[in-house]
Amino acid sequence: MLDNGENSLILTADPASGTNTVHERIKQLRSALKLSQVKFAREIHISNGYLAEIELGHCPVNERIIALIAAAFSVNESWLQTGEGAMFELTSPLCQTPAQRFERMTKLFNGLYPEFQDYILNQIDQLLRLQDVPHRE
């Protein structure tokens, strides 16, 4: 149900409708990202208890929560609000092919000062070395 209040648009669950609600989409997103409620809540700066109440449909989801989720996880706000469109923004690294990510990385890299480019290359070398180290359990 949509409630156009003075300060925000409140999206609440409609249990009788049987449709996919914003509350269910938030839970679906969290599952797709493979995040616990604690980690997801921490990323959007709310308590995990509040997130649990949202996912259960006991708390309304206002524009602020939608904006925080969209910004933190590159989520398509329209999908989050209505269920229409792709879950993630097309510019999100999660929606890009390796070739698209490489093209984006190249453009960003070329915009850096040469000393920052050297720093990035050094970091990549270090990451590759770390990747080759056997993991201890």
N, C-alpha and C. Protein backbone atom coordinates (compact mmCIF):
# COMPACT_ATOMS: atom_id res chain seq x y z
N MET A 1 0.85 -1.17 0.00
CA MET A 1 0.00 0.00 0.00
C MET A 1 0.89 1.24 0.00
N LEU A 2 0.54 2.25 -0.77
CA LEU A 2 1.29 3.49 -0.83
C LEU A 2 0.57 4.54 -0.01
N ASP A 3 1.32 5.25 0.83
CA ASP A 3 0.76 6.32 1.64
C ASP A 3 1.60 7.55 1.40
N ASN A 4 1.08 8.51 0.67
CA ASN A 4 1.82 9.73 0.39
C ASN A 4 1.66 10.71 1.53
N GLY A 5 2.55 10.63 2.52
CA GLY A 5 2.55 11.56 3.63
C GLY A 5 3.28 12.83 3.24
N GLU A 6 3.33 13.76 4.17
CA GLU A 6 3.99 15.03 3.88
C GLU A 6 5.49 14.86 3.65
N ASN A 7 6.13 14.02 4.45
CA ASN A 7 7.58 13.93 4.41
C ASN A 7 8.14 12.79 3.60
N SER A 8 7.36 11.72 3.41
CA SER A 8 7.93 10.58 2.71
C SER A 8 6.85 9.69 2.14
N LEU A 9 7.28 8.85 1.25
CA LEU A 9 6.44 7.83 0.67
C LEU A 9 6.65 6.58 1.51
N ILE A 10 5.60 6.06 2.09
CA ILE A 10 5.71 4.87 2.94
C ILE A 10 5.20 3.67 2.16
N LEU A 11 6.02 2.65 2.07
CA LEU A 11 5.64 1.42 1.39
C LEU A 11 5.43 0.36 2.46
N THR A 12 4.23 -0.15 2.56
CA THR A 12 3.94 -1.15 3.58
C THR A 12 3.48 -2.44 2.94
N ALA A 13 3.59 -3.52 3.68
CA ALA A 13 3.19 -4.82 3.18
C ALA A 13 1.67 -4.92 3.11
N ASP A 14 1.21 -5.64 2.12
CA ASP A 14 -0.20 -5.94 2.01
C ASP A 14 -0.33 -7.45 2.00
N PRO A 15 -0.42 -8.07 3.19
CA PRO A 15 -0.40 -9.53 3.28
C PRO A 15 -1.51 -10.21 2.48
N ALA A 16 -2.64 -9.54 2.30
CA ALA A 16 -3.76 -10.15 1.59
C ALA A 16 -3.53 -10.22 0.08
N SER A 17 -2.67 -9.38 -0.43
CA SER A 17 -2.51 -9.31 -1.89
C SER A 17 -1.74 -10.49 -2.46
N GLY A 18 -0.85 -11.09 -1.67
CA GLY A 18 -0.07 -12.21 -2.16
C GLY A 18 1.01 -11.80 -3.15
N THR A 19 1.19 -10.51 -3.35
CA THR A 19 2.22 -10.04 -4.29
C THR A 19 3.54 -9.86 -3.58
N ASN A 20 4.57 -9.76 -4.35
CA ASN A 20 5.91 -9.53 -3.84
C ASN A 20 5.99 -8.11 -3.31
N THR A 21 6.19 -7.95 -2.01
CA THR A 21 6.23 -6.64 -1.38
C THR A 21 7.65 -6.10 -1.31
N VAL A 22 7.77 -4.83 -1.01
CA VAL A 22 9.08 -4.22 -0.83
C VAL A 22 9.84 -4.94 0.28
N HIS A 23 9.12 -5.39 1.29
CA HIS A 23 9.74 -6.11 2.41
C HIS A 23 10.36 -7.42 1.92
N GLU A 24 9.62 -8.12 1.08
CA GLU A 24 10.12 -9.38 0.51
C GLU A 24 11.29 -9.12 -0.43
N ARG A 25 11.23 -8.02 -1.18
CA ARG A 25 12.34 -7.70 -2.09
C ARG A 25 13.61 -7.35 -1.32
N ILE A 26 13.47 -6.70 -0.18
CA ILE A 26 14.65 -6.41 0.64
C ILE A 26 15.29 -7.72 1.11
N LYS A 27 14.45 -8.64 1.56
CA LYS A 27 14.97 -9.94 1.98
C LYS A 27 15.58 -10.70 0.80
N GLN A 28 14.93 -10.62 -0.36
CA GLN A 28 15.45 -11.26 -1.57
C GLN A 28 16.80 -10.68 -1.95
N LEU A 29 16.93 -9.37 -1.86
CA LEU A 29 18.20 -8.71 -2.15
C LEU A 29 19.28 -9.17 -1.19
N ARG A 30 18.96 -9.18 0.09
CA ARG A 30 19.95 -9.60 1.10
C ARG A 30 20.41 -11.03 0.82
N SER A 31 19.48 -11.89 0.45
CA SER A 31 19.83 -13.28 0.12
C SER A 31 20.70 -13.34 -1.13
N ALA A 32 20.37 -12.53 -2.15
CA ALA A 32 21.16 -12.52 -3.38
C ALA A 32 22.60 -12.05 -3.11
N LEU A 33 22.75 -11.14 -2.15
CA LEU A 33 24.08 -10.64 -1.79
C LEU A 33 24.80 -11.55 -0.81
N LYS A 34 24.07 -12.58 -0.33
CA LYS A 34 24.61 -13.54 0.63
C LYS A 34 25.11 -12.84 1.90
N LEU A 35 24.28 -11.93 2.40
CA LEU A 35 24.62 -11.18 3.61
C LEU A 35 23.67 -11.56 4.74
N SER A 36 24.21 -11.62 5.94
CA SER A 36 23.37 -11.81 7.12
C SER A 36 22.60 -10.52 7.38
N GLN A 37 21.58 -10.61 8.21
CA GLN A 37 20.85 -9.39 8.58
C GLN A 37 21.78 -8.39 9.26
N VAL A 38 22.69 -8.89 10.08
CA VAL A 38 23.62 -8.01 10.79
C VAL A 38 24.49 -7.23 9.81
N LYS A 39 25.08 -7.93 8.85
CA LYS A 39 25.97 -7.26 7.89
C LYS A 39 25.20 -6.30 6.97
N PHE A 40 24.03 -6.73 6.51
CA PHE A 40 23.22 -5.89 5.64
C PHE A 40 22.81 -4.62 6.39
N ALA A 41 22.32 -4.79 7.61
CA ALA A 41 21.89 -3.64 8.42
C ALA A 41 23.05 -2.69 8.69
N ARG A 42 24.20 -3.24 8.96
CA ARG A 42 25.39 -2.40 9.22
C ARG A 42 25.72 -1.55 8.00
N GLU A 43 25.59 -2.12 6.81
CA GLU A 43 25.91 -1.39 5.57
C GLU A 43 24.97 -0.20 5.34
N ILE A 44 23.73 -0.31 5.81
CA ILE A 44 22.79 0.80 5.59
C ILE A 44 22.53 1.58 6.89
N HIS A 45 23.33 1.29 7.90
CA HIS A 45 23.32 2.06 9.15
C HIS A 45 21.99 2.03 9.89
N ILE A 46 21.43 0.82 9.97
CA ILE A 46 20.25 0.62 10.82
C ILE A 46 20.53 -0.60 11.70
N SER A 47 19.72 -0.80 12.73
CA SER A 47 19.92 -1.96 13.59
C SER A 47 19.42 -3.22 12.89
N ASN A 48 20.02 -4.35 13.25
CA ASN A 48 19.57 -5.60 12.64
C ASN A 48 18.16 -5.96 13.11
N GLY A 49 17.78 -5.51 14.28
CA GLY A 49 16.41 -5.73 14.75
C GLY A 49 15.40 -4.99 13.89
N TYR A 50 15.75 -3.76 13.53
CA TYR A 50 14.88 -2.96 12.66
C TYR A 50 14.78 -3.61 11.29
N LEU A 51 15.90 -4.12 10.78
CA LEU A 51 15.89 -4.80 9.49
C LEU A 51 15.00 -6.04 9.56
N ALA A 52 15.09 -6.79 10.64
CA ALA A 52 14.25 -7.99 10.80
C ALA A 52 12.77 -7.60 10.77
N GLU A 53 12.42 -6.52 11.44
CA GLU A 53 11.04 -6.05 11.45
C GLU A 53 10.59 -5.61 10.05
N ILE A 54 11.50 -4.97 9.31
CA ILE A 54 11.18 -4.58 7.92
C ILE A 54 10.91 -5.82 7.08
N GLU A 55 11.82 -6.80 7.16
CA GLU A 55 11.68 -8.01 6.34
C GLU A 55 10.39 -8.77 6.67
N LEU A 56 9.97 -8.70 7.91
CA LEU A 56 8.73 -9.37 8.31
C LEU A 56 7.49 -8.57 7.92
N GLY A 57 7.70 -7.33 7.48
CA GLY A 57 6.57 -6.49 7.09
C GLY A 57 5.93 -5.76 8.25
N HIS A 58 6.62 -5.76 9.40
CA HIS A 58 6.07 -5.11 10.59
C HIS A 58 6.41 -3.62 10.66
N CYS A 59 7.37 -3.17 9.87
CA CYS A 59 7.78 -1.76 9.85
C CYS A 59 7.67 -1.24 8.42
N PRO A 60 7.23 0.00 8.29
CA PRO A 60 7.16 0.59 6.94
C PRO A 60 8.55 0.85 6.38
N VAL A 61 8.63 0.88 5.07
CA VAL A 61 9.89 1.19 4.39
C VAL A 61 9.73 2.58 3.76
N ASN A 62 10.46 3.55 4.27
CA ASN A 62 10.33 4.91 3.75
C ASN A 62 11.38 5.19 2.68
N GLU A 63 11.30 6.36 2.09
CA GLU A 63 12.23 6.73 1.01
C GLU A 63 13.67 6.72 1.47
N ARG A 64 13.92 7.07 2.73
CA ARG A 64 15.28 7.08 3.26
C ARG A 64 15.89 5.68 3.23
N ILE A 65 15.13 4.69 3.66
CA ILE A 65 15.62 3.30 3.65
C ILE A 65 15.86 2.84 2.21
N ILE A 66 14.94 3.17 1.31
CA ILE A 66 15.10 2.81 -0.10
C ILE A 66 16.40 3.42 -0.64
N ALA A 67 16.62 4.71 -0.36
CA ALA A 67 17.81 5.40 -0.86
C ALA A 67 19.09 4.82 -0.26
N LEU A 68 19.06 4.49 1.03
CA LEU A 68 20.25 3.89 1.67
C LEU A 68 20.59 2.54 1.03
N ILE A 69 19.58 1.72 0.82
CA ILE A 69 19.81 0.40 0.21
C ILE A 69 20.32 0.56 -1.22
N ALA A 70 19.69 1.44 -1.98
CA ALA A 70 20.09 1.65 -3.37
C ALA A 70 21.54 2.13 -3.45
N ALA A 71 21.91 3.06 -2.59
CA ALA A 71 23.28 3.60 -2.61
C ALA A 71 24.30 2.58 -2.14
N ALA A 72 23.97 1.84 -1.10
CA ALA A 72 24.93 0.89 -0.53
C ALA A 72 25.19 -0.31 -1.43
N PHE A 73 24.17 -0.74 -2.19
CA PHE A 73 24.29 -1.99 -2.93
C PHE A 73 24.07 -1.85 -4.44
N SER A 74 24.04 -0.62 -4.96
CA SER A 74 23.81 -0.36 -6.39
C SER A 74 22.52 -1.01 -6.88
N VAL A 75 21.48 -0.89 -6.07
CA VAL A 75 20.19 -1.49 -6.39
C VAL A 75 19.34 -0.50 -7.16
N ASN A 76 18.59 -1.02 -8.09
CA ASN A 76 17.64 -0.24 -8.87
C ASN A 76 16.48 0.16 -7.95
N GLU A 77 16.34 1.45 -7.66
CA GLU A 77 15.28 1.92 -6.75
C GLU A 77 13.90 1.53 -7.25
N SER A 78 13.68 1.57 -8.54
CA SER A 78 12.39 1.20 -9.10
C SER A 78 12.07 -0.26 -8.79
N TRP A 79 13.05 -1.14 -8.94
CA TRP A 79 12.84 -2.55 -8.62
C TRP A 79 12.50 -2.69 -7.14
N LEU A 80 13.24 -1.99 -6.30
CA LEU A 80 13.02 -2.10 -4.87
C LEU A 80 11.62 -1.63 -4.48
N GLN A 81 11.16 -0.54 -5.09
CA GLN A 81 9.84 0.01 -4.76
C GLN A 81 8.69 -0.78 -5.38
N THR A 82 8.85 -1.19 -6.63
CA THR A 82 7.72 -1.77 -7.37
C THR A 82 7.93 -3.21 -7.82
N GLY A 83 9.16 -3.66 -7.85
CA GLY A 83 9.45 -4.99 -8.37
C GLY A 83 9.67 -5.01 -9.87
N GLU A 84 9.61 -3.84 -10.51
CA GLU A 84 9.79 -3.76 -11.96
C GLU A 84 11.24 -3.45 -12.30
N GLY A 85 11.72 -4.07 -13.37
CA GLY A 85 13.08 -3.82 -13.83
C GLY A 85 14.07 -4.79 -13.20
N ALA A 86 15.35 -4.52 -13.43
CA ALA A 86 16.42 -5.37 -12.91
C ALA A 86 16.69 -5.04 -11.45
N MET A 87 17.13 -6.04 -10.70
CA MET A 87 17.44 -5.83 -9.28
C MET A 87 18.56 -4.80 -9.11
N PHE A 88 19.60 -4.93 -9.92
CA PHE A 88 20.75 -4.04 -9.79
C PHE A 88 20.79 -3.04 -10.93
N GLU A 89 21.37 -1.87 -10.64
CA GLU A 89 21.60 -0.87 -11.67
C GLU A 89 22.51 -1.48 -12.73
N LEU A 90 22.28 -1.14 -13.97
CA LEU A 90 23.09 -1.70 -15.05
C LEU A 90 24.55 -1.29 -14.94
N THR A 91 24.84 -0.19 -14.21
CA THR A 91 26.21 0.24 -14.02
C THR A 91 26.88 -0.47 -12.85
N SER A 92 26.12 -1.25 -12.12
CA SER A 92 26.66 -1.97 -10.97
C SER A 92 27.69 -3.00 -11.45
N PRO A 93 28.80 -3.12 -10.72
CA PRO A 93 29.78 -4.16 -11.06
C PRO A 93 29.16 -5.56 -11.07
N LEU A 94 28.08 -5.75 -10.30
CA LEU A 94 27.43 -7.05 -10.25
C LEU A 94 26.72 -7.40 -11.55
N CYS A 95 26.41 -6.38 -12.38
CA CYS A 95 25.70 -6.60 -13.64
C CYS A 95 26.61 -6.50 -14.85
N GLN A 96 27.87 -6.29 -14.65
CA GLN A 96 28.77 -6.09 -15.77
C GLN A 96 29.53 -7.38 -16.10
N THR A 97 29.79 -7.55 -17.38
CA THR A 97 30.63 -8.67 -17.81
C THR A 97 32.08 -8.32 -17.47
N PRO A 98 32.97 -9.30 -17.46
CA PRO A 98 34.38 -8.98 -17.22
C PRO A 98 34.92 -7.94 -18.22
N ALA A 99 34.50 -8.02 -19.47
CA ALA A 99 34.98 -7.05 -20.47
C ALA A 99 34.49 -5.64 -20.13
N GLN A 100 33.25 -5.52 -19.65
CA GLN A 100 32.73 -4.21 -19.27
C GLN A 100 33.45 -3.66 -18.04
N ARG A 101 33.73 -4.54 -17.09
CA ARG A 101 34.48 -4.10 -15.90
C ARG A 101 35.87 -3.66 -16.27
N PHE A 102 36.52 -4.39 -17.19
CA PHE A 102 37.86 -4.03 -17.62
C PHE A 102 37.86 -2.68 -18.32
N GLU A 103 36.85 -2.46 -19.17
CA GLU A 103 36.75 -1.18 -19.87
C GLU A 103 36.56 -0.03 -18.87
N ARG A 104 35.70 -0.24 -17.88
CA ARG A 104 35.47 0.78 -16.85
C ARG A 104 36.75 1.04 -16.06
N MET A 105 37.44 -0.05 -15.68
CA MET A 105 38.67 0.08 -14.91
C MET A 105 39.72 0.85 -15.71
N THR A 106 39.82 0.56 -17.00
CA THR A 106 40.80 1.24 -17.85
C THR A 106 40.52 2.74 -17.91
N LYS A 107 39.25 3.10 -18.08
CA LYS A 107 38.89 4.52 -18.13
C LYS A 107 39.22 5.21 -16.81
N LEU A 108 38.89 4.56 -15.71
CA LEU A 108 39.19 5.15 -14.41
C LEU A 108 40.70 5.27 -14.19
N PHE A 109 41.42 4.21 -14.55
CA PHE A 109 42.87 4.18 -14.38
C PHE A 109 43.52 5.30 -15.19
N ASN A 110 43.08 5.49 -16.44
CA ASN A 110 43.66 6.52 -17.30
C ASN A 110 43.41 7.93 -16.78
N GLY A 111 42.40 8.10 -15.92
CA GLY A 111 42.10 9.41 -15.35
C GLY A 111 42.94 9.74 -14.13
N LEU A 112 43.74 8.79 -13.66
CA LEU A 112 44.57 9.01 -12.48
C LEU A 112 45.91 9.65 -12.82
N TYR A 113 46.49 10.34 -11.83
CA TYR A 113 47.85 10.84 -11.98
C TYR A 113 48.80 9.64 -12.10
N PRO A 114 49.92 9.80 -12.81
CA PRO A 114 50.86 8.68 -12.98
C PRO A 114 51.30 8.04 -11.66
N GLU A 115 51.52 8.85 -10.63
CA GLU A 115 51.95 8.26 -9.35
C GLU A 115 50.84 7.42 -8.72
N PHE A 116 49.58 7.79 -8.95
CA PHE A 116 48.47 6.97 -8.46
C PHE A 116 48.33 5.70 -9.30
N GLN A 117 48.61 5.79 -10.59
CA GLN A 117 48.58 4.61 -11.44
C GLN A 117 49.62 3.60 -10.95
N ASP A 118 50.81 4.09 -10.59
CA ASP A 118 51.86 3.20 -10.06
C ASP A 118 51.39 2.54 -8.77
N TYR A 119 50.74 3.31 -7.92
CA TYR A 119 50.24 2.78 -6.66
C TYR A 119 49.23 1.65 -6.93
N ILE A 120 48.31 1.89 -7.85
CA ILE A 120 47.29 0.87 -8.19
C ILE A 120 47.96 -0.40 -8.72
N LEU A 121 48.93 -0.25 -9.60
CA LEU A 121 49.63 -1.42 -10.14
C LEU A 121 50.33 -2.20 -9.03
N ASN A 122 50.93 -1.49 -8.10
CA ASN A 122 51.58 -2.14 -6.97
C ASN A 122 50.56 -2.91 -6.12
N GLN A 123 49.40 -2.32 -5.89
CA GLN A 123 48.34 -2.98 -5.12
C GLN A 123 47.85 -4.24 -5.83
N ILE A 124 47.71 -4.17 -7.15
CA ILE A 124 47.28 -5.34 -7.92
C ILE A 124 48.31 -6.45 -7.80
N ASP A 125 49.60 -6.10 -7.91
CA ASP A 125 50.66 -7.10 -7.73
C ASP A 125 50.56 -7.77 -6.36
N GLN A 126 50.33 -6.98 -5.33
CA GLN A 126 50.22 -7.53 -3.97
C GLN A 126 48.99 -8.44 -3.83
N LEU A 127 47.88 -8.03 -4.43
CA LEU A 127 46.68 -8.86 -4.38
C LEU A 127 46.89 -10.19 -5.09
N LEU A 128 47.58 -10.15 -6.21
CA LEU A 128 47.86 -11.38 -6.94
C LEU A 128 48.73 -12.32 -6.11
N ARG A 129 49.71 -11.76 -5.40
CA ARG A 129 50.55 -12.59 -4.54
C ARG A 129 49.74 -13.19 -3.40
N LEU A 130 48.84 -12.39 -2.81
CA LEU A 130 47.98 -12.90 -1.74
C LEU A 130 47.05 -14.00 -2.25
N GLN A 131 46.57 -13.83 -3.44
CA GLN A 131 45.66 -14.81 -4.03
C GLN A 131 46.36 -16.15 -4.21
N ASP A 132 47.66 -16.14 -4.46
CA ASP A 132 48.40 -17.37 -4.68
C ASP A 132 48.83 -18.07 -3.41
N VAL A 133 48.67 -17.39 -2.25
CA VAL A 133 49.05 -17.99 -0.98
C VAL A 133 47.96 -18.98 -0.56
N PRO A 134 48.36 -20.22 -0.22
CA PRO A 134 47.35 -21.19 0.22
C PRO A 134 46.63 -20.70 1.48
N HIS A 135 45.33 -20.94 1.55
CA HIS A 135 44.54 -20.49 2.69
C HIS A 135 44.72 -21.47 3.84
N ARG A 136 44.90 -20.93 5.05
CA ARG A 136 44.99 -21.77 6.25
C ARG A 136 43.65 -21.77 6.95
N GLU A 137 43.26 -22.93 7.45
CA GLU A 137 41.99 -23.01 8.18
C GLU A 137 42.23 -23.46 9.59
